[in-house]
């Protein structure tokens, strides 16, 4: 007859504590990842930068009447022309209505 060996096992309390620790780590990591993804989406300005570049191209080729105002998604865009000494300046500005974030750049001719 075979003698059964005693197998070491963890207690119920140890198992519960290990499960709680794993859940806490999982919840914290999911909150951190959610925060990172939402900030990445919120701060993504590639679409509005592409639209401002398109407007810059249209202004260079005289396809837009200045001053020009438009809305693009949740952005308010304004393109203005100004004269400084002998230089002509194009002012491009985009303001997000939701977050208040502002993107602007100037082009000197």
PDB file of N, CA and C in Angstrom:
ATOM      1  N   UNK A   1       0.829  -1.159   0.000  1.00  0.00           N
ATOM      2  CA  UNK A   1       0.000   0.000   0.000  1.00  0.00           C
ATOM      3  C   UNK A   1       0.888   1.241   0.000  1.00  0.00           C
ATOM      4  N   UNK A   2       0.455   2.269  -0.765  1.00  0.00           N
ATOM      5  CA  UNK A   2       1.231   3.486  -0.910  1.00  0.00           C
ATOM      6  C   UNK A   2       0.892   4.445   0.217  1.00  0.00           C
ATOM      7  N   UNK A   3       1.905   4.996   0.795  1.00  0.00           N
ATOM      8  CA  UNK A   3       1.709   5.965   1.876  1.00  0.00           C
ATOM      9  C   UNK A   3       1.505   7.334   1.238  1.00  0.00           C
ATOM     10  N   UNK A   4       0.398   7.985   1.599  1.00  0.00           N
ATOM     11  CA  UNK A   4       0.111   9.319   1.058  1.00  0.00           C
ATOM     12  C   UNK A   4       1.010  10.354   1.718  1.00  0.00           C
ATOM     13  N   UNK A   5       1.597  11.216   0.879  1.00  0.00           N
ATOM     14  CA  UNK A   5       2.439  12.273   1.416  1.00  0.00           C
ATOM     15  C   UNK A   5       1.577  13.492   1.703  1.00  0.00           C
ATOM     16  N   UNK A   6       1.960  14.218   2.691  1.00  0.00           N
ATOM     17  CA  UNK A   6       1.230  15.438   3.032  1.00  0.00           C
ATOM     18  C   UNK A   6       1.650  16.545   2.061  1.00  0.00           C
ATOM     19  N   UNK A   7       0.676  17.161   1.396  1.00  0.00           N
ATOM     20  CA  UNK A   7       0.926  18.231   0.431  1.00  0.00           C
ATOM     21  C   UNK A   7       0.731  19.561   1.143  1.00  0.00           C
ATOM     22  N   UNK A   8       1.698  20.462   0.979  1.00  0.00           N
ATOM     23  CA  UNK A   8       1.583  21.781   1.590  1.00  0.00           C
ATOM     24  C   UNK A   8       0.630  22.612   0.733  1.00  0.00           C
ATOM     25  N   UNK A   9      -0.280  23.287   1.353  1.00  0.00           N
ATOM     26  CA  UNK A   9      -1.242  24.130   0.656  1.00  0.00           C
ATOM     27  C   UNK A   9      -1.405  25.421   1.434  1.00  0.00           C
ATOM     28  N   UNK A  10      -1.949  26.420   0.753  1.00  0.00           N
ATOM     29  CA  UNK A  10      -2.157  27.692   1.429  1.00  0.00           C
ATOM     30  C   UNK A  10      -3.516  27.679   2.120  1.00  0.00           C
ATOM     31  N   UNK A  11      -3.633  28.523   3.117  1.00  0.00           N
ATOM     32  CA  UNK A  11      -4.888  28.611   3.843  1.00  0.00           C
ATOM     33  C   UNK A  11      -5.864  29.484   3.075  1.00  0.00           C
ATOM     34  N   UNK A  12      -7.092  29.462   3.479  1.00  0.00           N
ATOM     35  CA  UNK A  12      -8.121  30.263   2.836  1.00  0.00           C
ATOM     36  C   UNK A  12      -7.804  31.751   2.960  1.00  0.00           C
ATOM     37  N   UNK A  13      -7.302  32.179   4.088  1.00  0.00           N
ATOM     38  CA  UNK A  13      -6.977  33.588   4.307  1.00  0.00           C
ATOM     39  C   UNK A  13      -5.852  34.042   3.368  1.00  0.00           C
ATOM     40  N   UNK A  14      -4.848  33.242   3.168  1.00  0.00           N
ATOM     41  CA  UNK A  14      -3.760  33.578   2.245  1.00  0.00           C
ATOM     42  C   UNK A  14      -4.273  33.687   0.815  1.00  0.00           C
ATOM     43  N   UNK A  15      -5.148  32.798   0.432  1.00  0.00           N
ATOM     44  CA  UNK A  15      -5.717  32.832  -0.916  1.00  0.00           C
ATOM     45  C   UNK A  15      -6.550  34.090  -1.123  1.00  0.00           C
ATOM     46  N   UNK A  16      -7.352  34.452  -0.139  1.00  0.00           N
ATOM     47  CA  UNK A  16      -8.171  35.670  -0.239  1.00  0.00           C
ATOM     48  C   UNK A  16      -7.292  36.897  -0.323  1.00  0.00           C
ATOM     49  N   UNK A  17      -6.236  36.963   0.486  1.00  0.00           N
ATOM     50  CA  UNK A  17      -5.335  38.120   0.452  1.00  0.00           C
ATOM     51  C   UNK A  17      -4.624  38.227  -0.892  1.00  0.00           C
ATOM     52  N   UNK A  18      -4.197  37.131  -1.441  1.00  0.00           N
ATOM     53  CA  UNK A  18      -3.538  37.153  -2.744  1.00  0.00           C
ATOM     54  C   UNK A  18      -4.509  37.622  -3.822  1.00  0.00           C
ATOM     55  N   UNK A  19      -5.757  37.176  -3.756  1.00  0.00           N
ATOM     56  CA  UNK A  19      -6.775  37.603  -4.720  1.00  0.00           C
ATOM     57  C   UNK A  19      -7.049  39.093  -4.605  1.00  0.00           C
ATOM     58  N   UNK A  20      -7.143  39.591  -3.386  1.00  0.00           N
ATOM     59  CA  UNK A  20      -7.380  41.028  -3.174  1.00  0.00           C
ATOM     60  C   UNK A  20      -6.211  41.848  -3.715  1.00  0.00           C
ATOM     61  N   UNK A  21      -4.993  41.422  -3.443  1.00  0.00           N
ATOM     62  CA  UNK A  21      -3.821  42.150  -3.960  1.00  0.00           C
ATOM     63  C   UNK A  21      -3.807  42.169  -5.485  1.00  0.00           C
ATOM     64  N   UNK A  22      -4.111  41.064  -6.106  1.00  0.00           N
ATOM     65  CA  UNK A  22      -4.143  41.015  -7.573  1.00  0.00           C
ATOM     66  C   UNK A  22      -5.233  41.935  -8.111  1.00  0.00           C
ATOM     67  N   UNK A  23      -6.385  41.954  -7.462  1.00  0.00           N
ATOM     68  CA  UNK A  23      -7.472  42.834  -7.914  1.00  0.00           C
ATOM     69  C   UNK A  23      -7.102  44.306  -7.750  1.00  0.00           C
ATOM     70  N   UNK A  24      -6.470  44.660  -6.638  1.00  0.00           N
ATOM     71  CA  UNK A  24      -6.063  46.054  -6.421  1.00  0.00           C
ATOM     72  C   UNK A  24      -5.057  46.481  -7.483  1.00  0.00           C
ATOM     73  N   UNK A  25      -4.089  45.646  -7.771  1.00  0.00           N
ATOM     74  CA  UNK A  25      -3.097  45.968  -8.801  1.00  0.00           C
ATOM     75  C   UNK A  25      -3.769  46.096 -10.164  1.00  0.00           C
ATOM     76  N   UNK A  26      -4.698  45.214 -10.471  1.00  0.00           N
ATOM     77  CA  UNK A  26      -5.423  45.288 -11.741  1.00  0.00           C
ATOM     78  C   UNK A  26      -6.241  46.568 -11.849  1.00  0.00           C
ATOM     79  N   UNK A  27      -6.932  46.950 -10.785  1.00  0.00           N
ATOM     80  CA  UNK A  27      -7.753  48.164 -10.806  1.00  0.00           C
ATOM     81  C   UNK A  27      -6.877  49.400 -10.965  1.00  0.00           C
ATOM     82  N   UNK A  28      -5.771  49.475 -10.237  1.00  0.00           N
ATOM     83  CA  UNK A  28      -4.873  50.633 -10.360  1.00  0.00           C
ATOM     84  C   UNK A  28      -4.279  50.739 -11.758  1.00  0.00           C
ATOM     85  N   UNK A  29      -3.857  49.611 -12.302  1.00  0.00           N
ATOM     86  CA  UNK A  29      -3.267  49.656 -13.647  1.00  0.00           C
ATOM     87  C   UNK A  29      -4.302  50.017 -14.695  1.00  0.00           C
ATOM     88  N   UNK A  30      -5.539  49.550 -14.549  1.00  0.00           N
ATOM     89  CA  UNK A  30      -6.569  49.914 -15.523  1.00  0.00           C
ATOM     90  C   UNK A  30      -6.924  51.392 -15.420  1.00  0.00           C
ATOM     91  N   UNK A  31      -6.922  51.959 -14.207  1.00  0.00           N
ATOM     92  CA  UNK A  31      -7.181  53.394 -14.050  1.00  0.00           C
ATOM     93  C   UNK A  31      -6.063  54.220 -14.681  1.00  0.00           C
ATOM     94  N   UNK A  32      -4.823  53.801 -14.504  1.00  0.00           N
ATOM     95  CA  UNK A  32      -3.688  54.524 -15.094  1.00  0.00           C
ATOM     96  C   UNK A  32      -3.758  54.471 -16.620  1.00  0.00           C
ATOM     97  N   UNK A  33      -4.031  53.304 -17.174  1.00  0.00           N
ATOM     98  CA  UNK A  33      -4.135  53.177 -18.630  1.00  0.00           C
ATOM     99  C   UNK A  33      -5.301  53.991 -19.178  1.00  0.00           C
ATOM    100  N   UNK A  34      -6.430  53.992 -18.478  1.00  0.00           N
ATOM    101  CA  UNK A  34      -7.582  54.778 -18.912  1.00  0.00           C
ATOM    102  C   UNK A  34      -7.237  56.263 -18.927  1.00  0.00           C
ATOM    103  N   UNK A  35      -6.531  56.732 -17.920  1.00  0.00           N
ATOM    104  CA  UNK A  35      -6.112  58.129 -17.852  1.00  0.00           C
ATOM    105  C   UNK A  35      -5.156  58.468 -18.996  1.00  0.00           C
ATOM    106  N   UNK A  36      -4.214  57.596 -19.276  1.00  0.00           N
ATOM    107  CA  UNK A  36      -3.279  57.832 -20.379  1.00  0.00           C
ATOM    108  C   UNK A  36      -3.995  57.905 -21.724  1.00  0.00           C
ATOM    109  N   UNK A  37      -4.903  56.968 -21.965  1.00  0.00           N
ATOM    110  CA  UNK A  37      -5.623  56.955 -23.241  1.00  0.00           C
ATOM    111  C   UNK A  37      -6.531  58.173 -23.390  1.00  0.00           C
ATOM    112  N   UNK A  38      -7.220  58.568 -22.331  1.00  0.00           N
ATOM    113  CA  UNK A  38      -8.111  59.724 -22.435  1.00  0.00           C
ATOM    114  C   UNK A  38      -7.313  61.012 -22.649  1.00  0.00           C
ATOM    115  N   UNK A  39      -6.149  61.146 -21.997  1.00  0.00           N
ATOM    116  CA  UNK A  39      -5.311  62.329 -22.230  1.00  0.00           C
ATOM    117  C   UNK A  39      -4.759  62.349 -23.644  1.00  0.00           C
ATOM    118  N   UNK A  40      -4.421  61.195 -24.176  1.00  0.00           N
ATOM    119  CA  UNK A  40      -3.917  61.128 -25.545  1.00  0.00           C
ATOM    120  C   UNK A  40      -4.992  61.561 -26.527  1.00  0.00           C
ATOM    121  N   UNK A  41      -6.196  61.116 -26.318  1.00  0.00           N
ATOM    122  CA  UNK A  41      -7.294  61.483 -27.214  1.00  0.00           C
ATOM    123  C   UNK A  41      -7.638  62.961 -27.058  1.00  0.00           C
ATOM    124  N   UNK A  42      -7.647  63.456 -25.819  1.00  0.00           N
ATOM    125  CA  UNK A  42      -8.002  64.850 -25.572  1.00  0.00           C
ATOM    126  C   UNK A  42      -6.972  65.812 -26.162  1.00  0.00           C
ATOM    127  N   UNK A  43      -5.701  65.462 -26.116  1.00  0.00           N
ATOM    128  CA  UNK A  43      -4.638  66.346 -26.578  1.00  0.00           C
ATOM    129  C   UNK A  43      -4.252  66.117 -28.032  1.00  0.00           C
ATOM    130  N   UNK A  44      -4.986  65.288 -28.742  1.00  0.00           N
ATOM    131  CA  UNK A  44      -4.680  65.022 -30.141  1.00  0.00           C
ATOM    132  C   UNK A  44      -5.116  66.218 -30.987  1.00  0.00           C
ATOM    133  N   UNK A  45      -4.166  66.894 -31.622  1.00  0.00           N
ATOM    134  CA  UNK A  45      -4.462  68.086 -32.423  1.00  0.00           C
ATOM    135  C   UNK A  45      -4.091  67.901 -33.885  1.00  0.00           C
ATOM    136  N   UNK A  46      -3.894  66.655 -34.317  1.00  0.00           N
ATOM    137  CA  UNK A  46      -3.476  66.434 -35.696  1.00  0.00           C
ATOM    138  C   UNK A  46      -4.526  66.906 -36.702  1.00  0.00           C
ATOM    139  N   UNK A  47      -5.793  66.707 -36.406  1.00  0.00           N
ATOM    140  CA  UNK A  47      -6.862  67.103 -37.326  1.00  0.00           C
ATOM    141  C   UNK A  47      -6.906  68.604 -37.539  1.00  0.00           C
ATOM    142  N   UNK A  48      -6.848  69.361 -36.440  1.00  0.00           N
ATOM    143  CA  UNK A  48      -6.910  70.822 -36.570  1.00  0.00           C
ATOM    144  C   UNK A  48      -5.632  71.371 -37.187  1.00  0.00           C
ATOM    145  N   UNK A  49      -4.481  70.753 -36.902  1.00  0.00           N
ATOM    146  CA  UNK A  49      -3.234  71.197 -37.526  1.00  0.00           C
ATOM    147  C   UNK A  49      -3.276  70.963 -39.034  1.00  0.00           C
ATOM    148  N   UNK A  50      -3.860  69.863 -39.463  1.00  0.00           N
ATOM    149  CA  UNK A  50      -3.999  69.594 -40.904  1.00  0.00           C
ATOM    150  C   UNK A  50      -4.918  70.626 -41.540  1.00  0.00           C
ATOM    151  N   UNK A  51      -6.006  70.997 -40.850  1.00  0.00           N
ATOM    152  CA  UNK A  51      -6.926  72.003 -41.395  1.00  0.00           C
ATOM    153  C   UNK A  51      -6.244  73.361 -41.468  1.00  0.00           C
ATOM    154  N   UNK A  52      -5.466  73.733 -40.464  1.00  0.00           N
ATOM    155  CA  UNK A  52      -4.748  75.012 -40.505  1.00  0.00           C
ATOM    156  C   UNK A  52      -3.723  75.031 -41.633  1.00  0.00           C
ATOM    157  N   UNK A  53      -3.052  73.913 -41.868  1.00  0.00           N
ATOM    158  CA  UNK A  53      -2.109  73.840 -42.989  1.00  0.00           C
ATOM    159  C   UNK A  53      -2.830  73.953 -44.324  1.00  0.00           C
ATOM    160  N   UNK A  54      -4.025  73.358 -44.422  1.00  0.00           N
ATOM    161  CA  UNK A  54      -4.811  73.478 -45.647  1.00  0.00           C
ATOM    162  C   UNK A  54      -5.240  74.926 -45.866  1.00  0.00           C
ATOM    163  N   UNK A  55      -5.643  75.607 -44.798  1.00  0.00           N
ATOM    164  CA  UNK A  55      -6.004  77.023 -44.922  1.00  0.00           C
ATOM    165  C   UNK A  55      -4.796  77.874 -45.297  1.00  0.00           C
ATOM    166  N   UNK A  56      -3.639  77.540 -44.768  1.00  0.00           N
ATOM    167  CA  UNK A  56      -2.420  78.256 -45.129  1.00  0.00           C
ATOM    168  C   UNK A  56      -2.153  78.102 -46.633  1.00  0.00           C
ATOM    169  N   UNK A  57      -2.294  76.894 -47.136  1.00  0.00           N
ATOM    170  CA  UNK A  57      -2.105  76.643 -48.568  1.00  0.00           C
ATOM    171  C   UNK A  57      -3.117  77.451 -49.394  1.00  0.00           C
ATOM    172  N   UNK A  58      -4.383  77.466 -48.955  1.00  0.00           N
ATOM    173  CA  UNK A  58      -5.406  78.215 -49.680  1.00  0.00           C
ATOM    174  C   UNK A  58      -5.135  79.719 -49.639  1.00  0.00           C
ATOM    175  N   UNK A  59      -4.615  80.218 -48.523  1.00  0.00           N
ATOM    176  CA  UNK A  59      -4.294  81.649 -48.432  1.00  0.00           C
ATOM    177  C   UNK A  59      -3.139  82.022 -49.344  1.00  0.00           C
ATOM    178  N   UNK A  60      -2.141  81.154 -49.430  1.00  0.00           N
ATOM    179  CA  UNK A  60      -1.002  81.427 -50.305  1.00  0.00           C
ATOM    180  C   UNK A  60      -1.452  81.516 -51.756  1.00  0.00           C
ATOM    181  N   UNK A  61      -2.413  80.691 -52.140  1.00  0.00           N
ATOM    182  CA  UNK A  61      -2.899  80.652 -53.522  1.00  0.00           C
ATOM    183  C   UNK A  61      -4.133  81.519 -53.745  1.00  0.00           C
ATOM    184  N   UNK A  62      -4.427  82.435 -52.829  1.00  0.00           N
ATOM    185  CA  UNK A  62      -5.537  83.392 -52.936  1.00  0.00           C
ATOM    186  C   UNK A  62      -6.881  82.715 -53.182  1.00  0.00           C
ATOM    187  N   UNK A  63      -7.150  81.627 -52.502  1.00  0.00           N
ATOM    188  CA  UNK A  63      -8.433  80.925 -52.629  1.00  0.00           C
ATOM    189  C   UNK A  63      -9.364  81.236 -51.462  1.00  0.00           C
ATOM    190  N   UNK A  64      -8.867  81.998 -50.465  1.00  0.00           N
ATOM    191  CA  UNK A  64      -9.656  82.335 -49.282  1.00  0.00           C
ATOM    192  C   UNK A  64      -9.691  83.846 -49.153  1.00  0.00           C
ATOM    193  N   UNK A  65     -10.883  84.377 -48.908  1.00  0.00           N
ATOM    194  CA  UNK A  65     -11.005  85.807 -48.653  1.00  0.00           C
ATOM    195  C   UNK A  65     -10.709  86.078 -47.188  1.00  0.00           C
ATOM    196  N   UNK A  66      -9.842  87.058 -46.933  1.00  0.00           N
ATOM    197  CA  UNK A  66      -9.457  87.385 -45.563  1.00  0.00           C
ATOM    198  C   UNK A  66     -10.213  88.604 -45.088  1.00  0.00           C
ATOM    199  N   UNK A  67     -10.624  88.689 -43.865  1.00  0.00           N
ATOM    200  CA  UNK A  67     -10.486  87.727 -42.784  1.00  0.00           C
ATOM    201  C   UNK A  67     -11.423  86.531 -42.996  1.00  0.00           C
ATOM    202  N   UNK A  68     -10.987  85.385 -42.516  1.00  0.00           N
ATOM    203  CA  UNK A  68     -11.729  84.142 -42.709  1.00  0.00           C
ATOM    204  C   UNK A  68     -12.026  83.525 -41.348  1.00  0.00           C
ATOM    205  N   UNK A  69     -13.298  83.144 -41.141  1.00  0.00           N
ATOM    206  CA  UNK A  69     -13.716  82.500 -39.899  1.00  0.00           C
ATOM    207  C   UNK A  69     -14.481  81.237 -40.248  1.00  0.00           C
ATOM    208  N   UNK A  70     -14.227  80.167 -39.511  1.00  0.00           N
ATOM    209  CA  UNK A  70     -14.962  78.923 -39.725  1.00  0.00           C
ATOM    210  C   UNK A  70     -14.918  78.073 -38.471  1.00  0.00           C
ATOM    211  N   UNK A  71     -15.773  77.064 -38.459  1.00  0.00           N
ATOM    212  CA  UNK A  71     -15.777  76.086 -37.375  1.00  0.00           C
ATOM    213  C   UNK A  71     -15.389  74.736 -37.950  1.00  0.00           C
ATOM    214  N   UNK A  72     -14.509  74.045 -37.243  1.00  0.00           N
ATOM    215  CA  UNK A  72     -14.053  72.716 -37.641  1.00  0.00           C
ATOM    216  C   UNK A  72     -14.172  71.816 -36.421  1.00  0.00           C
ATOM    217  N   UNK A  73     -15.090  70.859 -36.487  1.00  0.00           N
ATOM    218  CA  UNK A  73     -15.421  70.010 -35.340  1.00  0.00           C
ATOM    219  C   UNK A  73     -15.753  70.915 -34.159  1.00  0.00           C
ATOM    220  N   UNK A  74     -15.017  70.899 -33.086  1.00  0.00           N
ATOM    221  CA  UNK A  74     -15.298  71.772 -31.943  1.00  0.00           C
ATOM    222  C   UNK A  74     -14.309  72.935 -31.875  1.00  0.00           C
ATOM    223  N   UNK A  75     -13.666  73.248 -32.989  1.00  0.00           N
ATOM    224  CA  UNK A  75     -12.670  74.315 -33.040  1.00  0.00           C
ATOM    225  C   UNK A  75     -13.233  75.511 -33.803  1.00  0.00           C
ATOM    226  N   UNK A  76     -12.941  76.705 -33.314  1.00  0.00           N
ATOM    227  CA  UNK A  76     -13.252  77.941 -34.022  1.00  0.00           C
ATOM    228  C   UNK A  76     -11.958  78.463 -34.624  1.00  0.00           C
ATOM    229  N   UNK A  77     -11.945  78.600 -35.941  1.00  0.00           N
ATOM    230  CA  UNK A  77     -10.731  78.991 -36.654  1.00  0.00           C
ATOM    231  C   UNK A  77     -10.895  80.408 -37.184  1.00  0.00           C
ATOM    232  N   UNK A  78      -9.845  81.202 -37.033  1.00  0.00           N
ATOM    233  CA  UNK A  78      -9.824  82.537 -37.625  1.00  0.00           C
ATOM    234  C   UNK A  78      -8.492  82.742 -38.326  1.00  0.00           C
ATOM    235  N   UNK A  79      -8.574  83.337 -39.517  1.00  0.00           N
ATOM    236  CA  UNK A  79      -7.382  83.668 -40.292  1.00  0.00           C
ATOM    237  C   UNK A  79      -7.452  85.159 -40.583  1.00  0.00           C
ATOM    238  N   UNK A  80      -6.447  85.895 -40.142  1.00  0.00           N
ATOM    239  CA  UNK A  80      -6.415  87.336 -40.305  1.00  0.00           C
ATOM    240  C   UNK A  80      -5.141  87.748 -41.024  1.00  0.00           C
ATOM    241  N   UNK A  81      -5.216  88.871 -41.700  1.00  0.00           N
ATOM    242  CA  UNK A  81      -4.047  89.426 -42.373  1.00  0.00           C
ATOM    243  C   UNK A  81      -3.704  90.748 -41.704  1.00  0.00           C
ATOM    244  N   UNK A  82      -2.410  90.995 -41.529  1.00  0.00           N
ATOM    245  CA  UNK A  82      -1.956  92.217 -40.881  1.00  0.00           C
ATOM    246  C   UNK A  82      -0.718  92.708 -41.615  1.00  0.00           C
ATOM    247  N   UNK A  83      -0.484  94.003 -41.542  1.00  0.00           N
ATOM    248  CA  UNK A  83       0.669  94.613 -42.198  1.00  0.00           C
ATOM    249  C   UNK A  83       1.587  95.168 -41.125  1.00  0.00           C
ATOM    250  N   UNK A  84       2.874  94.800 -41.168  1.00  0.00           N
ATOM    251  CA  UNK A  84       3.858  95.291 -40.223  1.00  0.00           C
ATOM    252  C   UNK A  84       5.056  95.781 -41.024  1.00  0.00           C
ATOM    253  N   UNK A  85       5.248  97.093 -41.042  1.00  0.00           N
ATOM    254  CA  UNK A  85       6.273  97.720 -41.884  1.00  0.00           C
ATOM    255  C   UNK A  85       6.079  97.241 -43.321  1.00  0.00           C
ATOM    256  N   UNK A  86       7.111  96.642 -43.905  1.00  0.00           N
ATOM    257  CA  UNK A  86       6.985  96.173 -45.285  1.00  0.00           C
ATOM    258  C   UNK A  86       6.565  94.710 -45.361  1.00  0.00           C
ATOM    259  N   UNK A  87       6.319  94.081 -44.198  1.00  0.00           N
ATOM    260  CA  UNK A  87       5.982  92.662 -44.162  1.00  0.00           C
ATOM    261  C   UNK A  87       4.473  92.458 -44.041  1.00  0.00           C
ATOM    262  N   UNK A  88       4.005  91.430 -44.708  1.00  0.00           N
ATOM    263  CA  UNK A  88       2.619  90.995 -44.567  1.00  0.00           C
ATOM    264  C   UNK A  88       2.591  89.775 -43.646  1.00  0.00           C
ATOM    265  N   UNK A  89       1.665  89.778 -42.704  1.00  0.00           N
ATOM    266  CA  UNK A  89       1.601  88.709 -41.713  1.00  0.00           C
ATOM    267  C   UNK A  89       0.235  88.039 -41.790  1.00  0.00           C
ATOM    268  N   UNK A  90       0.241  86.723 -41.868  1.00  0.00           N
ATOM    269  CA  UNK A  90      -0.993  85.939 -41.772  1.00  0.00           C
ATOM    270  C   UNK A  90      -1.066  85.344 -40.369  1.00  0.00           C
ATOM    271  N   UNK A  91      -2.167  85.593 -39.684  1.00  0.00           N
ATOM    272  CA  UNK A  91      -2.358  85.094 -38.328  1.00  0.00           C
ATOM    273  C   UNK A  91      -3.407  83.983 -38.353  1.00  0.00           C
ATOM    274  N   UNK A  92      -3.001  82.778 -37.999  1.00  0.00           N
ATOM    275  CA  UNK A  92      -3.896  81.624 -37.924  1.00  0.00           C
ATOM    276  C   UNK A  92      -4.117  81.299 -36.456  1.00  0.00           C
ATOM    277  N   UNK A  93      -5.390  81.186 -36.063  1.00  0.00           N
ATOM    278  CA  UNK A  93      -5.689  80.869 -34.677  1.00  0.00           C
ATOM    279  C   UNK A  93      -6.878  79.914 -34.624  1.00  0.00           C
ATOM    280  N   UNK A  94      -6.751  78.889 -33.795  1.00  0.00           N
ATOM    281  CA  UNK A  94      -7.835  77.929 -33.575  1.00  0.00           C
ATOM    282  C   UNK A  94      -8.047  77.781 -32.074  1.00  0.00           C
ATOM    283  N   UNK A  95      -9.301  77.896 -31.649  1.00  0.00           N
ATOM    284  CA  UNK A  95      -9.658  77.792 -30.232  1.00  0.00           C
ATOM    285  C   UNK A  95     -10.681  76.675 -30.094  1.00  0.00           C
ATOM    286  N   UNK A  96     -10.402  75.750 -29.181  1.00  0.00           N
ATOM    287  CA  UNK A  96     -11.328  74.658 -28.915  1.00  0.00           C
ATOM    288  C   UNK A  96     -12.429  75.169 -27.991  1.00  0.00           C
ATOM    289  N   UNK A  97     -13.700  75.006 -28.403  1.00  0.00           N
ATOM    290  CA  UNK A  97     -14.822  75.498 -27.608  1.00  0.00           C
ATOM    291  C   UNK A  97     -15.009  74.687 -26.331  1.00  0.00           C
ATOM    292  N   UNK A  98     -14.629  73.420 -26.352  1.00  0.00           N
ATOM    293  CA  UNK A  98     -14.846  72.547 -25.191  1.00  0.00           C
ATOM    294  C   UNK A  98     -13.766  72.721 -24.128  1.00  0.00           C
ATOM    295  N   UNK A  99     -12.504  72.719 -24.547  1.00  0.00           N
ATOM    296  CA  UNK A  99     -11.400  72.737 -23.580  1.00  0.00           C
ATOM    297  C   UNK A  99     -10.756  74.108 -23.421  1.00  0.00           C
ATOM    298  N   UNK A 100     -10.987  75.026 -24.363  1.00  0.00           N
ATOM    299  CA  UNK A 100     -10.356  76.331 -24.305  1.00  0.00           C
ATOM    300  C   UNK A 100      -8.917  76.337 -24.807  1.00  0.00           C
ATOM    301  N   UNK A 101      -8.454  75.211 -25.327  1.00  0.00           N
ATOM    302  CA  UNK A 101      -7.087  75.115 -25.835  1.00  0.00           C
ATOM    303  C   UNK A 101      -6.951  75.963 -27.102  1.00  0.00           C
ATOM    304  N   UNK A 102      -5.805  76.621 -27.246  1.00  0.00           N
ATOM    305  CA  UNK A 102      -5.577  77.507 -28.381  1.00  0.00           C
ATOM    306  C   UNK A 102      -4.346  77.061 -29.157  1.00  0.00           C
ATOM    307  N   UNK A 103      -4.487  77.010 -30.472  1.00  0.00           N
ATOM    308  CA  UNK A 103      -3.365  76.774 -31.382  1.00  0.00           C
ATOM    309  C   UNK A 103      -3.260  77.974 -32.297  1.00  0.00           C
ATOM    310  N   UNK A 104      -2.062  78.506 -32.446  1.00  0.00           N
ATOM    311  CA  UNK A 104      -1.902  79.614 -33.378  1.00  0.00           C
ATOM    312  C   UNK A 104      -0.504  79.601 -33.973  1.00  0.00           C
ATOM    313  N   UNK A 105      -0.420  80.174 -35.164  1.00  0.00           N
ATOM    314  CA  UNK A 105       0.896  80.387 -35.773  1.00  0.00           C
ATOM    315  C   UNK A 105       0.800  81.572 -36.722  1.00  0.00           C
ATOM    316  N   UNK A 106       1.952  82.158 -37.005  1.00  0.00           N
ATOM    317  CA  UNK A 106       2.040  83.354 -37.839  1.00  0.00           C
ATOM    318  C   UNK A 106       2.926  83.030 -39.022  1.00  0.00           C
ATOM    319  N   UNK A 107       2.564  83.580 -40.165  1.00  0.00           N
ATOM    320  CA  UNK A 107       3.354  83.419 -41.380  1.00  0.00           C
ATOM    321  C   UNK A 107       3.729  84.816 -41.866  1.00  0.00           C
ATOM    322  N   UNK A 108       5.027  85.031 -42.029  1.00  0.00           N
ATOM    323  CA  UNK A 108       5.535  86.320 -42.474  1.00  0.00           C
ATOM    324  C   UNK A 108       5.910  86.243 -43.952  1.00  0.00           C
ATOM    325  N   UNK A 109       5.459  87.209 -44.718  1.00  0.00           N
ATOM    326  CA  UNK A 109       5.832  87.290 -46.138  1.00  0.00           C
ATOM    327  C   UNK A 109       6.755  88.458 -46.370  1.00  0.00           C
TER     328      UNK A 109
END
